[in-house]
Amino acid sequence: MEIIEFLAMLVNAGLHVLITTHNPYIVDHLANLMQAAKHDDKEPIDKLFYLEQRNAFIPQAQVSIYLFEEGTAKNIVDEDGIIDWSTFGHVSSDVSSMFPQLLKTTK
């Protein structure tokens, strides 16, 4: 989570950052940082975050989250900053079912 906050700080400093992940924790924490950026009084909430740095709070306009599937790219963040979490469910299911299938094929 510290790395996500650090990367958000880099974006706020003007750098372009690209992350590829299926990890919902990373995306969830990015959503936290976007919500924190909307707060009027940021001082009481900065201590809730790992680096305790307000410059890690990232405006939604600086973030894009895309689902790449079947040759298309779909933005999964709506105008209110809500992320379509259903896009992560099938990955978890696929990964969790892989090991039992591997056991069957090795016997």
PDB file of N, CA and C in Angstrom:
ATOM      1  N   MET A   1       0.816  -1.180   0.000  1.00  0.00           N
ATOM      2  CA  MET A   1       0.000   0.000   0.000  1.00  0.00           C
ATOM      3  C   MET A   1       0.872   1.260   0.000  1.00  0.00           C
ATOM      4  N   GLU A   2       2.040   1.152   0.640  1.00  0.00           N
ATOM      5  CA  GLU A   2       2.965   2.287   0.610  1.00  0.00           C
ATOM      6  C   GLU A   2       3.419   2.590  -0.812  1.00  0.00           C
ATOM      7  N   ILE A   3       3.611   1.545  -1.610  1.00  0.00           N
ATOM      8  CA  ILE A   3       4.038   1.746  -2.995  1.00  0.00           C
ATOM      9  C   ILE A   3       2.948   2.472  -3.786  1.00  0.00           C
ATOM     10  N   ILE A   4       1.690   2.118  -3.568  1.00  0.00           N
ATOM     11  CA  ILE A   4       0.596   2.793  -4.264  1.00  0.00           C
ATOM     12  C   ILE A   4       0.564   4.265  -3.877  1.00  0.00           C
ATOM     13  N   GLU A   5       0.732   4.548  -2.595  1.00  0.00           N
ATOM     14  CA  GLU A   5       0.756   5.951  -2.156  1.00  0.00           C
ATOM     15  C   GLU A   5       1.942   6.683  -2.771  1.00  0.00           C
ATOM     16  N   PHE A   6       3.091   6.033  -2.829  1.00  0.00           N
ATOM     17  CA  PHE A   6       4.269   6.658  -3.433  1.00  0.00           C
ATOM     18  C   PHE A   6       4.046   6.919  -4.926  1.00  0.00           C
ATOM     19  N   LEU A   7       3.460   5.952  -5.624  1.00  0.00           N
ATOM     20  CA  LEU A   7       3.184   6.144  -7.045  1.00  0.00           C
ATOM     21  C   LEU A   7       2.183   7.277  -7.265  1.00  0.00           C
ATOM     22  N   ALA A   8       1.200   7.407  -6.385  1.00  0.00           N
ATOM     23  CA  ALA A   8       0.252   8.523  -6.472  1.00  0.00           C
ATOM     24  C   ALA A   8       0.977   9.851  -6.278  1.00  0.00           C
ATOM     25  N   MET A   9       1.950   9.866  -5.385  1.00  0.00           N
ATOM     26  CA  MET A   9       2.740  11.085  -5.175  1.00  0.00           C
ATOM     27  C   MET A   9       3.519  11.435  -6.442  1.00  0.00           C
ATOM     28  N   LEU A  10       4.030  10.436  -7.145  1.00  0.00           N
ATOM     29  CA  LEU A  10       4.748  10.681  -8.400  1.00  0.00           C
ATOM     30  C   LEU A  10       3.812  11.266  -9.456  1.00  0.00           C
ATOM     31  N   VAL A  11       2.593  10.738  -9.532  1.00  0.00           N
ATOM     32  CA  VAL A  11       1.607  11.267 -10.477  1.00  0.00           C
ATOM     33  C   VAL A  11       1.283  12.716 -10.126  1.00  0.00           C
ATOM     34  N   ASN A  12       1.092  12.985  -8.842  1.00  0.00           N
ATOM     35  CA  ASN A  12       0.810  14.358  -8.412  1.00  0.00           C
ATOM     36  C   ASN A  12       1.977  15.297  -8.685  1.00  0.00           C
ATOM     37  N   ALA A  13       3.179  14.748  -8.819  1.00  0.00           N
ATOM     38  CA  ALA A  13       4.365  15.555  -9.144  1.00  0.00           C
ATOM     39  C   ALA A  13       4.518  15.745 -10.652  1.00  0.00           C
ATOM     40  N   GLY A  14       3.614  15.135 -11.439  1.00  0.00           N
ATOM     41  CA  GLY A  14       3.628  15.351 -12.877  1.00  0.00           C
ATOM     42  C   GLY A  14       4.140  14.193 -13.710  1.00  0.00           C
ATOM     43  N   LEU A  15       4.480  13.085 -13.091  1.00  0.00           N
ATOM     44  CA  LEU A  15       4.940  11.922 -13.841  1.00  0.00           C
ATOM     45  C   LEU A  15       3.762  11.054 -14.274  1.00  0.00           C
ATOM     46  N   HIS A  16       3.948  10.320 -15.358  1.00  0.00           N
ATOM     47  CA  HIS A  16       2.943   9.358 -15.809  1.00  0.00           C
ATOM     48  C   HIS A  16       3.345   7.993 -15.282  1.00  0.00           C
ATOM     49  N   VAL A  17       2.396   7.296 -14.689  1.00  0.00           N
ATOM     50  CA  VAL A  17       2.654   5.974 -14.102  1.00  0.00           C
ATOM     51  C   VAL A  17       1.625   4.997 -14.666  1.00  0.00           C
ATOM     52  N   LEU A  18       2.109   3.820 -15.059  1.00  0.00           N
ATOM     53  CA  LEU A  18       1.233   2.765 -15.546  1.00  0.00           C
ATOM     54  C   LEU A  18       1.435   1.545 -14.662  1.00  0.00           C
ATOM     55  N   ILE A  19       0.338   1.009 -14.149  1.00  0.00           N
ATOM     56  CA  ILE A  19       0.377  -0.194 -13.310  1.00  0.00           C
ATOM     57  C   ILE A  19      -0.543  -1.219 -13.962  1.00  0.00           C
ATOM     58  N   THR A  20      -0.085  -2.443 -14.050  1.00  0.00           N
ATOM     59  CA  THR A  20      -0.966  -3.518 -14.472  1.00  0.00           C
ATOM     60  C   THR A  20      -1.108  -4.471 -13.295  1.00  0.00           C
ATOM     61  N   THR A  21      -2.352  -4.839 -12.984  1.00  0.00           N
ATOM     62  CA  THR A  21      -2.579  -5.706 -11.834  1.00  0.00           C
ATOM     63  C   THR A  21      -3.957  -6.352 -11.910  1.00  0.00           C
ATOM     64  N   HIS A  22      -4.083  -7.475 -11.247  1.00  0.00           N
ATOM     65  CA  HIS A  22      -5.385  -8.082 -10.980  1.00  0.00           C
ATOM     66  C   HIS A  22      -5.668  -8.019  -9.483  1.00  0.00           C
ATOM     67  N   ASN A  23      -4.832  -7.330  -8.752  1.00  0.00           N
ATOM     68  CA  ASN A  23      -4.919  -7.290  -7.298  1.00  0.00           C
ATOM     69  C   ASN A  23      -5.961  -6.266  -6.845  1.00  0.00           C
ATOM     70  N   PRO A  24      -7.079  -6.727  -6.275  1.00  0.00           N
ATOM     71  CA  PRO A  24      -8.110  -5.783  -5.850  1.00  0.00           C
ATOM     72  C   PRO A  24      -7.669  -4.893  -4.687  1.00  0.00           C
ATOM     73  N   TYR A  25      -6.690  -5.327  -3.902  1.00  0.00           N
ATOM     74  CA  TYR A  25      -6.209  -4.493  -2.794  1.00  0.00           C
ATOM     75  C   TYR A  25      -5.551  -3.223  -3.321  1.00  0.00           C
ATOM     76  N   ILE A  26      -4.815  -3.353  -4.385  1.00  0.00           N
ATOM     77  CA  ILE A  26      -4.153  -2.183  -4.981  1.00  0.00           C
ATOM     78  C   ILE A  26      -5.199  -1.209  -5.499  1.00  0.00           C
ATOM     79  N   VAL A  27      -6.169  -1.728  -6.233  1.00  0.00           N
ATOM     80  CA  VAL A  27      -7.207  -0.867  -6.796  1.00  0.00           C
ATOM     81  C   VAL A  27      -8.069  -0.271  -5.681  1.00  0.00           C
ATOM     82  N   ASP A  28      -8.353  -1.047  -4.654  1.00  0.00           N
ATOM     83  CA  ASP A  28      -9.148  -0.566  -3.529  1.00  0.00           C
ATOM     84  C   ASP A  28      -8.436   0.591  -2.822  1.00  0.00           C
ATOM     85  N   HIS A  29      -7.130   0.459  -2.643  1.00  0.00           N
ATOM     86  CA  HIS A  29      -6.398   1.532  -1.967  1.00  0.00           C
ATOM     87  C   HIS A  29      -6.308   2.772  -2.855  1.00  0.00           C
ATOM     88  N   LEU A  30      -6.213   2.567  -4.145  1.00  0.00           N
ATOM     89  CA  LEU A  30      -6.249   3.699  -5.065  1.00  0.00           C
ATOM     90  C   LEU A  30      -7.586   4.429  -4.941  1.00  0.00           C
ATOM     91  N   ALA A  31      -8.660   3.663  -4.785  1.00  0.00           N
ATOM     92  CA  ALA A  31      -9.984   4.272  -4.570  1.00  0.00           C
ATOM     93  C   ALA A  31      -9.999   5.071  -3.266  1.00  0.00           C
ATOM     94  N   ASN A  32      -9.340   4.551  -2.218  1.00  0.00           N
ATOM     95  CA  ASN A  32      -9.237   5.296  -0.952  1.00  0.00           C
ATOM     96  C   ASN A  32      -8.528   6.631  -1.172  1.00  0.00           C
ATOM     97  N   LEU A  33      -7.465   6.613  -1.934  1.00  0.00           N
ATOM     98  CA  LEU A  33      -6.690   7.836  -2.189  1.00  0.00           C
ATOM     99  C   LEU A  33      -7.507   8.843  -2.995  1.00  0.00           C
ATOM    100  N   MET A  34      -8.325   8.341  -3.924  1.00  0.00           N
ATOM    101  CA  MET A  34      -9.184   9.246  -4.691  1.00  0.00           C
ATOM    102  C   MET A  34     -10.264   9.860  -3.799  1.00  0.00           C
ATOM    103  N   GLN A  35     -10.833   9.050  -2.896  1.00  0.00           N
ATOM    104  CA  GLN A  35     -11.849   9.577  -1.974  1.00  0.00           C
ATOM    105  C   GLN A  35     -11.228  10.597  -1.018  1.00  0.00           C
ATOM    106  N   ALA A  36     -10.024  10.321  -0.563  1.00  0.00           N
ATOM    107  CA  ALA A  36      -9.339  11.257   0.346  1.00  0.00           C
ATOM    108  C   ALA A  36      -9.095  12.600  -0.335  1.00  0.00           C
ATOM    109  N   ALA A  37      -8.807  12.578  -1.622  1.00  0.00           N
ATOM    110  CA  ALA A  37      -8.567  13.820  -2.364  1.00  0.00           C
ATOM    111  C   ALA A  37      -9.812  14.695  -2.416  1.00  0.00           C
ATOM    112  N   LYS A  38     -10.995  14.094  -2.295  1.00  0.00           N
ATOM    113  CA  LYS A  38     -12.256  14.847  -2.326  1.00  0.00           C
ATOM    114  C   LYS A  38     -12.586  15.506  -0.992  1.00  0.00           C
ATOM    115  N   HIS A  39     -11.930  15.090   0.085  1.00  0.00           N
ATOM    116  CA  HIS A  39     -12.223  15.630   1.423  1.00  0.00           C
ATOM    117  C   HIS A  39     -11.853  17.102   1.507  1.00  0.00           C
ATOM    118  N   ASP A  40     -12.712  17.872   2.139  1.00  0.00           N
ATOM    119  CA  ASP A  40     -12.425  19.285   2.342  1.00  0.00           C
ATOM    120  C   ASP A  40     -11.318  19.483   3.370  1.00  0.00           C
ATOM    121  N   ASP A  41     -11.360  18.717   4.458  1.00  0.00           N
ATOM    122  CA  ASP A  41     -10.364  18.840   5.525  1.00  0.00           C
ATOM    123  C   ASP A  41      -9.502  17.579   5.535  1.00  0.00           C
ATOM    124  N   LYS A  42      -8.343  17.662   4.898  1.00  0.00           N
ATOM    125  CA  LYS A  42      -7.485  16.488   4.734  1.00  0.00           C
ATOM    126  C   LYS A  42      -6.601  16.206   5.950  1.00  0.00           C
ATOM    127  N   GLU A  43      -6.414  17.201   6.799  1.00  0.00           N
ATOM    128  CA  GLU A  43      -5.506  17.029   7.934  1.00  0.00           C
ATOM    129  C   GLU A  43      -5.874  15.860   8.853  1.00  0.00           C
ATOM    130  N   PRO A  44      -7.145  15.709   9.238  1.00  0.00           N
ATOM    131  CA  PRO A  44      -7.448  14.604  10.160  1.00  0.00           C
ATOM    132  C   PRO A  44      -7.362  13.214   9.522  1.00  0.00           C
ATOM    133  N   ILE A  45      -7.377  13.136   8.194  1.00  0.00           N
ATOM    134  CA  ILE A  45      -7.370  11.808   7.577  1.00  0.00           C
ATOM    135  C   ILE A  45      -5.992  11.366   7.084  1.00  0.00           C
ATOM    136  N   ASP A  46      -5.029  12.257   6.992  1.00  0.00           N
ATOM    137  CA  ASP A  46      -3.735  11.842   6.455  1.00  0.00           C
ATOM    138  C   ASP A  46      -3.057  10.778   7.318  1.00  0.00           C
ATOM    139  N   LYS A  47      -3.345  10.761   8.612  1.00  0.00           N
ATOM    140  CA  LYS A  47      -2.747   9.763   9.516  1.00  0.00           C
ATOM    141  C   LYS A  47      -3.343   8.365   9.322  1.00  0.00           C
ATOM    142  N   LEU A  48      -4.445   8.271   8.600  1.00  0.00           N
ATOM    143  CA  LEU A  48      -5.054   6.969   8.322  1.00  0.00           C
ATOM    144  C   LEU A  48      -4.272   6.190   7.262  1.00  0.00           C
ATOM    145  N   PHE A  49      -3.441   6.896   6.518  1.00  0.00           N
ATOM    146  CA  PHE A  49      -2.732   6.285   5.398  1.00  0.00           C
ATOM    147  C   PHE A  49      -1.312   5.898   5.801  1.00  0.00           C
ATOM    148  N   TYR A  50      -0.739   4.966   5.059  1.00  0.00           N
ATOM    149  CA  TYR A  50       0.561   4.385   5.409  1.00  0.00           C
ATOM    150  C   TYR A  50       1.691   5.407   5.444  1.00  0.00           C
ATOM    151  N   LEU A  51       1.785   6.255   4.433  1.00  0.00           N
ATOM    152  CA  LEU A  51       2.867   7.236   4.391  1.00  0.00           C
ATOM    153  C   LEU A  51       2.518   8.548   5.091  1.00  0.00           C
ATOM    154  N   GLU A  52       1.255   8.687   5.460  1.00  0.00           N
ATOM    155  CA  GLU A  52       0.773   9.881   6.162  1.00  0.00           C
ATOM    156  C   GLU A  52       1.110  11.167   5.404  1.00  0.00           C
ATOM    157  N   GLN A  53       0.975  11.112   4.080  1.00  0.00           N
ATOM    158  CA  GLN A  53       1.291  12.250   3.218  1.00  0.00           C
ATOM    159  C   GLN A  53       0.062  12.654   2.407  1.00  0.00           C
ATOM    160  N   ARG A  54      -0.385  13.877   2.584  1.00  0.00           N
ATOM    161  CA  ARG A  54      -1.546  14.360   1.842  1.00  0.00           C
ATOM    162  C   ARG A  54      -1.293  14.445   0.347  1.00  0.00           C
ATOM    163  N   ASN A  55      -0.026  14.572  -0.037  1.00  0.00           N
ATOM    164  CA  ASN A  55       0.248  14.653  -1.470  1.00  0.00           C
ATOM    165  C   ASN A  55       0.145  13.276  -2.146  1.00  0.00           C
ATOM    166  N   ALA A  56      -0.233  12.246  -1.386  1.00  0.00           N
ATOM    167  CA  ALA A  56      -0.551  10.940  -1.973  1.00  0.00           C
ATOM    168  C   ALA A  56      -2.027  10.857  -2.343  1.00  0.00           C
ATOM    169  N   PHE A  57      -2.829  11.790  -1.851  1.00  0.00           N
ATOM    170  CA  PHE A  57      -4.246  11.816  -2.206  1.00  0.00           C
ATOM    171  C   PHE A  57      -4.332  12.259  -3.664  1.00  0.00           C
ATOM    172  N   ILE A  58      -4.934  11.433  -4.479  1.00  0.00           N
ATOM    173  CA  ILE A  58      -4.875  11.675  -5.925  1.00  0.00           C
ATOM    174  C   ILE A  58      -6.263  12.002  -6.480  1.00  0.00           C
ATOM    175  N   PRO A  59      -6.373  13.105  -7.200  1.00  0.00           N
ATOM    176  CA  PRO A  59      -7.666  13.454  -7.788  1.00  0.00           C
ATOM    177  C   PRO A  59      -8.102  12.401  -8.809  1.00  0.00           C
ATOM    178  N   GLN A  60      -9.379  12.149  -8.853  1.00  0.00           N
ATOM    179  CA  GLN A  60      -9.919  11.157  -9.770  1.00  0.00           C
ATOM    180  C   GLN A  60      -9.555  11.475 -11.216  1.00  0.00           C
ATOM    181  N   ALA A  61      -9.441  12.737 -11.550  1.00  0.00           N
ATOM    182  CA  ALA A  61      -9.096  13.124 -12.920  1.00  0.00           C
ATOM    183  C   ALA A  61      -7.707  12.633 -13.326  1.00  0.00           C
ATOM    184  N   GLN A  62      -6.897  12.280 -12.359  1.00  0.00           N
ATOM    185  CA  GLN A  62      -5.538  11.803 -12.628  1.00  0.00           C
ATOM    186  C   GLN A  62      -5.471  10.275 -12.733  1.00  0.00           C
ATOM    187  N   VAL A  63      -6.605   9.597 -12.600  1.00  0.00           N
ATOM    188  CA  VAL A  63      -6.624   8.135 -12.534  1.00  0.00           C
ATOM    189  C   VAL A  63      -7.533   7.558 -13.629  1.00  0.00           C
ATOM    190  N   SER A  64      -7.040   6.519 -14.266  1.00  0.00           N
ATOM    191  CA  SER A  64      -7.846   5.729 -15.190  1.00  0.00           C
ATOM    192  C   SER A  64      -7.649   4.265 -14.825  1.00  0.00           C
ATOM    193  N   ILE A  65      -8.740   3.527 -14.768  1.00  0.00           N
ATOM    194  CA  ILE A  65      -8.660   2.098 -14.484  1.00  0.00           C
ATOM    195  C   ILE A  65      -9.430   1.397 -15.595  1.00  0.00           C
ATOM    196  N   TYR A  66      -8.720   0.549 -16.315  1.00  0.00           N
ATOM    197  CA  TYR A  66      -9.309  -0.110 -17.472  1.00  0.00           C
ATOM    198  C   TYR A  66      -9.308  -1.618 -17.331  1.00  0.00           C
ATOM    199  N   LEU A  67     -10.326  -2.228 -17.874  1.00  0.00           N
ATOM    200  CA  LEU A  67     -10.405  -3.671 -18.033  1.00  0.00           C
ATOM    201  C   LEU A  67     -10.094  -3.950 -19.497  1.00  0.00           C
ATOM    202  N   PHE A  68      -9.067  -4.758 -19.730  1.00  0.00           N
ATOM    203  CA  PHE A  68      -8.720  -5.182 -21.082  1.00  0.00           C
ATOM    204  C   PHE A  68      -9.253  -6.589 -21.266  1.00  0.00           C
ATOM    205  N   GLU A  69     -10.132  -6.738 -22.258  1.00  0.00           N
ATOM    206  CA  GLU A  69     -10.784  -8.023 -22.446  1.00  0.00           C
ATOM    207  C   GLU A  69     -11.203  -8.161 -23.906  1.00  0.00           C
ATOM    208  N   GLU A  70     -10.826  -9.281 -24.498  1.00  0.00           N
ATOM    209  CA  GLU A  70     -11.215  -9.604 -25.867  1.00  0.00           C
ATOM    210  C   GLU A  70     -10.925  -8.467 -26.843  1.00  0.00           C
ATOM    211  N   GLY A  71      -9.733  -7.894 -26.735  1.00  0.00           N
ATOM    212  CA  GLY A  71      -9.308  -6.863 -27.675  1.00  0.00           C
ATOM    213  C   GLY A  71      -9.901  -5.491 -27.448  1.00  0.00           C
ATOM    214  N   THR A  72     -10.571  -5.287 -26.307  1.00  0.00           N
ATOM    215  CA  THR A  72     -11.152  -3.975 -26.017  1.00  0.00           C
ATOM    216  C   THR A  72     -10.648  -3.465 -24.668  1.00  0.00           C
ATOM    217  N   ALA A  73     -10.761  -2.168 -24.476  1.00  0.00           N
ATOM    218  CA  ALA A  73     -10.431  -1.546 -23.197  1.00  0.00           C
ATOM    219  C   ALA A  73     -11.666  -0.805 -22.708  1.00  0.00           C
ATOM    220  N   LYS A  74     -12.069  -1.097 -21.474  1.00  0.00           N
ATOM    221  CA  LYS A  74     -13.271  -0.484 -20.896  1.00  0.00           C
ATOM    222  C   LYS A  74     -12.882   0.216 -19.596  1.00  0.00           C
ATOM    223  N   ASN A  75     -13.228   1.493 -19.480  1.00  0.00           N
ATOM    224  CA  ASN A  75     -12.991   2.235 -18.249  1.00  0.00           C
ATOM    225  C   ASN A  75     -13.956   1.717 -17.192  1.00  0.00           C
ATOM    226  N   ILE A  76     -13.433   1.291 -16.029  1.00  0.00           N
ATOM    227  CA  ILE A  76     -14.304   0.710 -14.996  1.00  0.00           C
ATOM    228  C   ILE A  76     -14.482   1.645 -13.787  1.00  0.00           C
ATOM    229  N   VAL A  77     -14.192   2.935 -13.973  1.00  0.00           N
ATOM    230  CA  VAL A  77     -14.441   3.939 -12.926  1.00  0.00           C
ATOM    231  C   VAL A  77     -15.519   4.879 -13.446  1.00  0.00           C
ATOM    232  N   ASP A  78     -16.596   5.028 -12.660  1.00  0.00           N
ATOM    233  CA  ASP A  78     -17.646   5.929 -13.122  1.00  0.00           C
ATOM    234  C   ASP A  78     -17.326   7.375 -12.723  1.00  0.00           C
ATOM    235  N   GLU A  79     -18.204   8.295 -13.081  1.00  0.00           N
ATOM    236  CA  GLU A  79     -17.951   9.721 -12.854  1.00  0.00           C
ATOM    237  C   GLU A  79     -17.868  10.095 -11.375  1.00  0.00           C
ATOM    238  N   ASP A  80     -18.400   9.241 -10.491  1.00  0.00           N
ATOM    239  CA  ASP A  80     -18.332   9.493  -9.053  1.00  0.00           C
ATOM    240  C   ASP A  80     -17.114   8.829  -8.393  1.00  0.00           C
ATOM    241  N   GLY A  81     -16.288   8.159  -9.194  1.00  0.00           N
ATOM    242  CA  GLY A  81     -15.107   7.496  -8.646  1.00  0.00           C
ATOM    243  C   GLY A  81     -15.378   6.097  -8.129  1.00  0.00           C
ATOM    244  N   ILE A  82     -16.535   5.547  -8.468  1.00  0.00           N
ATOM    245  CA  ILE A  82     -16.893   4.196  -8.044  1.00  0.00           C
ATOM    246  C   ILE A  82     -16.340   3.205  -9.059  1.00  0.00           C
ATOM    247  N   ILE A  83     -15.649   2.192  -8.558  1.00  0.00           N
ATOM    248  CA  ILE A  83     -15.008   1.196  -9.412  1.00  0.00           C
ATOM    249  C   ILE A  83     -15.931  -0.007  -9.575  1.00  0.00           C
ATOM    250  N   ASP A  84     -16.027  -0.515 -10.785  1.00  0.00           N
ATOM    251  CA  ASP A  84     -16.828  -1.708 -11.071  1.00  0.00           C
ATOM    252  C   ASP A  84     -16.053  -2.930 -10.591  1.00  0.00           C
ATOM    253  N   TRP A  85     -16.334  -3.365  -9.359  1.00  0.00           N
ATOM    254  CA  TRP A  85     -15.591  -4.473  -8.746  1.00  0.00           C
ATOM    255  C   TRP A  85     -15.919  -5.821  -9.361  1.00  0.00           C
ATOM    256  N   SER A  86     -17.015  -5.929 -10.087  1.00  0.00           N
ATOM    257  CA  SER A  86     -17.374  -7.225 -10.673  1.00  0.00           C
ATOM    258  C   SER A  86     -16.319  -7.712 -11.657  1.00  0.00           C
ATOM    259  N   THR A  87     -15.510  -6.807 -12.174  1.00  0.00           N
ATOM    260  CA  THR A  87     -14.481  -7.203 -13.135  1.00  0.00           C
ATOM    261  C   THR A  87     -13.355  -7.998 -12.478  1.00  0.00           C
ATOM    262  N   PHE A  88     -13.244  -7.939 -11.155  1.00  0.00           N
ATOM    263  CA  PHE A  88     -12.185  -8.658 -10.454  1.00  0.00           C
ATOM    264  C   PHE A  88     -12.610 -10.046 -10.011  1.00  0.00           C
ATOM    265  N   GLY A  89     -13.902 -10.289  -9.879  1.00  0.00           N
ATOM    266  CA  GLY A  89     -14.400 -11.554  -9.352  1.00  0.00           C
ATOM    267  C   GLY A  89     -14.009 -12.764 -10.169  1.00  0.00           C
ATOM    268  N   HIS A  90     -14.082 -12.662 -11.482  1.00  0.00           N
ATOM    269  CA  HIS A  90     -13.794 -13.839 -12.305  1.00  0.00           C
ATOM    270  C   HIS A  90     -12.316 -14.228 -12.244  1.00  0.00           C
ATOM    271  N   VAL A  91     -11.429 -13.268 -12.042  1.00  0.00           N
ATOM    272  CA  VAL A  91     -10.007 -13.589 -11.931  1.00  0.00           C
ATOM    273  C   VAL A  91      -9.760 -14.407 -10.671  1.00  0.00           C
ATOM    274  N   SER A  92     -10.338 -13.978  -9.553  1.00  0.00           N
ATOM    275  CA  SER A  92     -10.182 -14.725  -8.299  1.00  0.00           C
ATOM    276  C   SER A  92     -10.729 -16.126  -8.427  1.00  0.00           C
ATOM    277  N   SER A  93     -11.878 -16.261  -9.062  1.00  0.00           N
ATOM    278  CA  SER A  93     -12.476 -17.590  -9.255  1.00  0.00           C
ATOM    279  C   SER A  93     -11.593 -18.466 -10.128  1.00  0.00           C
ATOM    280  N   ASP A  94     -11.083 -17.904 -11.209  1.00  0.00           N
ATOM    281  CA  ASP A  94     -10.211 -18.666 -12.106  1.00  0.00           C
ATOM    282  C   ASP A  94      -8.960 -19.153 -11.389  1.00  0.00           C
ATOM    283  N   VAL A  95      -8.328 -18.265 -10.642  1.00  0.00           N
ATOM    284  CA  VAL A  95      -7.091 -18.619  -9.947  1.00  0.00           C
ATOM    285  C   VAL A  95      -7.352 -19.663  -8.871  1.00  0.00           C
ATOM    286  N   SER A  96      -8.431 -19.502  -8.104  1.00  0.00           N
ATOM    287  CA  SER A  96      -8.703 -20.446  -7.014  1.00  0.00           C
ATOM    288  C   SER A  96      -9.092 -21.827  -7.531  1.00  0.00           C
ATOM    289  N   SER A  97      -9.633 -21.901  -8.720  1.00  0.00           N
ATOM    290  CA  SER A  97     -10.015 -23.211  -9.259  1.00  0.00           C
ATOM    291  C   SER A  97      -8.857 -23.898  -9.991  1.00  0.00           C
ATOM    292  N   MET A  98      -7.782 -23.201 -10.229  1.00  0.00           N
ATOM    293  CA  MET A  98      -6.671 -23.762 -10.990  1.00  0.00           C
ATOM    294  C   MET A  98      -5.977 -24.909 -10.257  1.00  0.00           C
ATOM    295  N   PHE A  99      -5.687 -24.747  -8.972  1.00  0.00           N
ATOM    296  CA  PHE A  99      -4.935 -25.758  -8.224  1.00  0.00           C
ATOM    297  C   PHE A  99      -5.660 -27.098  -8.180  1.00  0.00           C
ATOM    298  N   PRO A 100      -6.958 -27.144  -7.847  1.00  0.00           N
ATOM    299  CA  PRO A 100      -7.644 -28.443  -7.865  1.00  0.00           C
ATOM    300  C   PRO A 100      -7.587 -29.119  -9.239  1.00  0.00           C
ATOM    301  N   GLN A 101      -7.661 -28.343 -10.295  1.00  0.00           N
ATOM    302  CA  GLN A 101      -7.578 -28.911 -11.639  1.00  0.00           C
ATOM    303  C   GLN A 101      -6.183 -29.473 -11.899  1.00  0.00           C
ATOM    304  N   LEU A 102      -5.160 -28.794 -11.404  1.00  0.00           N
ATOM    305  CA  LEU A 102      -3.788 -29.275 -11.559  1.00  0.00           C
ATOM    306  C   LEU A 102      -3.589 -30.602 -10.821  1.00  0.00           C
ATOM    307  N   LEU A 103      -4.184 -30.720  -9.635  1.00  0.00           N
ATOM    308  CA  LEU A 103      -4.071 -31.956  -8.888  1.00  0.00           C
ATOM    309  C   LEU A 103      -4.676 -33.123  -9.651  1.00  0.00           C
ATOM    310  N   LYS A 104      -5.806 -32.885 -10.291  1.00  0.00           N
ATOM    311  CA  LYS A 104      -6.483 -33.942 -11.045  1.00  0.00           C
ATOM    312  C   LYS A 104      -5.631 -34.423 -12.231  1.00  0.00           C
ATOM    313  N   THR A 105      -4.939 -33.500 -12.876  1.00  0.00           N
ATOM    314  CA  THR A 105      -4.178 -33.863 -14.072  1.00  0.00           C
ATOM    315  C   THR A 105      -2.837 -34.493 -13.743  1.00  0.00           C
ATOM    316  N   THR A 106      -2.350 -34.343 -12.514  1.00  0.00           N
ATOM    317  CA  THR A 106      -1.053 -34.927 -12.160  1.00  0.00           C
ATOM    318  C   THR A 106      -1.176 -36.300 -11.536  1.00  0.00           C
ATOM    319  N   LYS A 107      -2.382 -36.756 -11.247  1.00  0.00           N
ATOM    320  CA  LYS A 107      -2.574 -38.065 -10.619  1.00  0.00           C
ATOM    321  C   LYS A 107      -2.638 -39.160 -11.644  1.00  0.00           C
TER     322      LYS A 107
END
